[in-house]
């Protein structure tokens, strides 16, 4: 598994360069405009997600059960911004897919139903969970 991950990480830049060369034959100088636009968009996404990530994490810790989808959304936006900074067609497609088709869902270990009992100083959280192996 480690060898497969290493092979994928080594092959990714090669695939990106090959894709850029092939697309440059088709689009010409428009490819430069596309790369500049995606770079600027990536910087804007990183700036926006980085500024709101800390506030969303603090806000999610203030709620009784935590608001997990908000930090997931910020992390996804931050990763998409970094992928847009990387010049290439494949990374741009992955970033656009993350932004357009990403789902805000709770992780599978989050409780299905939860109830809060007790005073504000000592709260007892009850819930149901299922273990998926």
Protein backbone atom coordinates (compact mmCIF):
# COMPACT_ATOMS: atom_id res chain seq x y z
CA UNK A 1 0.00 0.00 0.00
CA UNK A 2 2.87 2.37 0.79
CA UNK A 3 4.44 1.63 -2.58
CA UNK A 4 1.17 2.32 -4.38
CA UNK A 5 0.75 5.67 -2.63
CA UNK A 6 4.35 6.60 -3.44
CA UNK A 7 3.85 5.63 -7.07
CA UNK A 8 0.72 7.76 -7.29
CA UNK A 9 2.50 10.74 -5.74
CA UNK A 10 5.39 10.40 -8.17
CA UNK A 11 3.14 9.92 -11.20
CA UNK A 12 0.87 12.89 -10.41
CA UNK A 13 3.29 15.64 -11.58
CA UNK A 14 4.13 13.63 -14.71
CA UNK A 15 0.42 13.32 -15.58
CA UNK A 16 -0.06 17.04 -14.91
CA UNK A 17 2.83 18.03 -17.19
CA UNK A 18 1.67 15.67 -19.93
CA UNK A 19 -1.87 17.08 -19.68
CA UNK A 20 -0.59 20.65 -19.85
CA UNK A 21 1.50 19.91 -22.96
CA UNK A 22 -1.42 18.24 -24.72
CA UNK A 23 -3.80 21.04 -23.76
CA UNK A 24 -1.29 23.70 -24.86
CA UNK A 25 -1.38 22.22 -28.39
CA UNK A 26 -5.15 22.64 -28.44
CA UNK A 27 -5.71 25.92 -26.58
CA UNK A 28 -2.50 27.83 -27.22
CA UNK A 29 -2.09 30.97 -25.14
CA UNK A 30 -5.55 30.53 -23.58
CA UNK A 31 -3.95 27.91 -21.35
CA UNK A 32 -1.82 30.64 -19.79
CA UNK A 33 -4.94 32.65 -19.06
CA UNK A 34 -6.59 29.57 -17.51
CA UNK A 35 -3.56 28.92 -15.28
CA UNK A 36 -3.43 32.56 -14.16
CA UNK A 37 -7.18 32.54 -13.40
CA UNK A 38 -6.98 29.33 -11.39
CA UNK A 39 -3.96 30.63 -9.46
CA UNK A 40 -5.80 33.83 -8.51
CA UNK A 41 -8.91 31.83 -7.59
CA UNK A 42 -6.82 29.48 -5.46
CA UNK A 43 -5.28 32.40 -3.57
CA UNK A 44 -8.72 33.88 -2.93
CA UNK A 45 -10.08 30.54 -1.69
CA UNK A 46 -7.13 30.04 0.67
CA UNK A 47 -7.50 33.55 2.02
CA UNK A 48 -11.25 33.14 2.59
CA UNK A 49 -11.05 29.64 4.07
CA UNK A 50 -8.07 30.41 6.25
CA UNK A 51 -9.72 33.46 7.76
CA UNK A 52 -12.95 31.65 8.58
CA UNK A 53 -11.49 28.30 9.67
CA UNK A 54 -10.36 29.41 13.12
CA UNK A 55 -13.66 31.15 13.85
CA UNK A 56 -15.65 28.11 12.70
CA UNK A 57 -13.57 25.80 14.88
CA UNK A 58 -14.08 28.02 17.93
CA UNK A 59 -17.79 28.28 17.18
CA UNK A 60 -18.12 24.53 16.77
CA UNK A 61 -16.50 23.97 20.16
CA UNK A 62 -18.96 26.38 21.82
CA UNK A 63 -22.05 24.38 20.83
CA UNK A 64 -23.04 21.40 23.01
CA UNK A 65 -22.46 18.72 20.37
CA UNK A 66 -20.13 20.60 18.10
CA UNK A 67 -20.91 21.68 14.56
CA UNK A 68 -18.74 19.33 12.53
CA UNK A 69 -19.87 20.18 8.94
CA UNK A 70 -18.62 23.79 9.15
CA UNK A 71 -14.93 22.89 9.73
CA UNK A 72 -15.20 20.11 7.13
CA UNK A 73 -16.40 22.69 4.61
CA UNK A 74 -13.49 25.04 5.42
CA UNK A 75 -10.91 22.28 5.16
CA UNK A 76 -12.33 21.21 1.81
CA UNK A 77 -12.21 24.80 0.54
CA UNK A 78 -8.64 25.19 1.77
CA UNK A 79 -7.52 21.98 0.05
CA UNK A 80 -9.29 23.00 -3.17
CA UNK A 81 -7.47 26.34 -3.04
CA UNK A 82 -4.10 24.60 -2.75
CA UNK A 83 -4.99 22.30 -5.64
CA UNK A 84 -5.89 25.33 -7.78
CA UNK A 85 -2.49 26.87 -7.02
CA UNK A 86 -0.79 23.78 -8.42
CA UNK A 87 -0.58 24.29 -12.22
CA UNK A 88 -2.29 21.49 -14.05
CA UNK A 89 -5.54 20.26 -15.48
CA UNK A 90 -5.99 17.20 -13.26
CA UNK A 91 -5.54 19.13 -10.00
CA UNK A 92 -7.95 21.82 -11.26
CA UNK A 93 -10.55 19.17 -12.07
CA UNK A 94 -10.16 17.61 -8.62
CA UNK A 95 -10.47 21.03 -6.95
CA UNK A 96 -13.58 21.94 -8.95
CA UNK A 97 -15.11 18.58 -8.10
CA UNK A 98 -14.41 19.17 -4.42
CA UNK A 99 -16.03 22.61 -4.54
CA UNK A 100 -19.06 21.69 -6.64
CA UNK A 101 -19.87 18.17 -5.52
CA UNK A 102 -18.52 18.04 -1.97
CA UNK A 103 -20.98 16.88 0.66
CA UNK A 104 -21.25 18.29 4.16
CA UNK A 105 -21.90 15.17 6.14
CA UNK A 106 -21.07 14.05 9.61
CA UNK A 107 -18.42 11.39 10.02
CA UNK A 108 -19.71 7.90 10.55
CA UNK A 109 -18.74 7.94 14.24
CA UNK A 110 -21.03 10.90 15.08
CA UNK A 111 -24.09 10.05 17.18
CA UNK A 112 -27.36 9.50 15.32
CA UNK A 113 -29.55 10.93 18.12
CA UNK A 114 -28.33 12.81 21.18
CA UNK A 115 -30.05 14.30 24.20
CA UNK A 116 -28.57 16.62 26.80
CA UNK A 117 -29.51 16.13 30.47
CA UNK A 118 -28.44 17.89 33.63
CA UNK A 119 -27.49 21.35 34.76
CA UNK A 120 -25.23 23.66 32.82
CA UNK A 121 -22.25 22.86 35.04
CA UNK A 122 -22.51 19.06 34.65
CA UNK A 123 -24.03 17.87 31.42
CA UNK A 124 -24.62 14.27 30.50
CA UNK A 125 -24.74 13.44 26.82
CA UNK A 126 -26.73 10.42 25.79
CA UNK A 127 -26.73 9.05 22.28
CA UNK A 128 -26.86 6.08 20.01
CA UNK A 129 -24.05 4.86 17.85
CA UNK A 130 -23.26 2.06 15.48
CA UNK A 131 -19.87 0.58 14.85
CA UNK A 132 -18.98 -0.09 11.20
CA UNK A 133 -16.04 -2.42 10.69
